[in-house]
Structures are given as structure tokens and as C-alpha cells.
Amino acid sequence: DINGKLLLPKYALSQDV
């Protein structure tokens, strides 16, 4: 998720759609 990458980059790396 684009917003996830802005807020939680580490989380976004493993949970990106």
C-alpha cells in the first residue's frame, strides 16, 4: 500500500499489494 510505505516502510515491504 502506498500509504503504508509512507507511514511504515518496514511493514509495507512485507505487506504490499
C-alpha atoms as a PDB file:
ATOM      1  CA  ASP A   1       0.000   0.000   0.000  1.00  0.00           C
ATOM      2  CA  ILE A   2       1.312   3.417  -0.988  1.00  0.00           C
ATOM      3  CA  ASN A   3       0.208   4.983   2.306  1.00  0.00           C
ATOM      4  CA  GLY A   4       1.744   2.095   4.222  1.00  0.00           C
ATOM      5  CA  LYS A   5       5.085   2.777   2.544  1.00  0.00           C
ATOM      6  CA  LEU A   6       4.933   6.401   3.615  1.00  0.00           C
ATOM      7  CA  LEU A   7       3.959   5.619   7.202  1.00  0.00           C
ATOM      8  CA  LEU A   8       5.520   2.223   7.861  1.00  0.00           C
ATOM      9  CA  PRO A   9       8.141   1.362   5.210  1.00  0.00           C
ATOM     10  CA  LYS A  10       9.273  -1.798   7.024  1.00  0.00           C
ATOM     11  CA  TYR A  11       5.722  -3.072   7.274  1.00  0.00           C
ATOM     12  CA  ALA A  12       4.979  -2.194   3.671  1.00  0.00           C
ATOM     13  CA  LEU A  13       7.931  -4.270   2.462  1.00  0.00           C
ATOM     14  CA  SER A  14       6.349  -7.467   3.760  1.00  0.00           C
ATOM     15  CA  GLN A  15       2.717  -6.404   3.249  1.00  0.00           C
ATOM     16  CA  ASP A  16       2.367  -4.684  -0.117  1.00  0.00           C
ATOM     17  CA  VAL A  17      -0.479  -5.171  -2.579  1.00  0.00           C
END
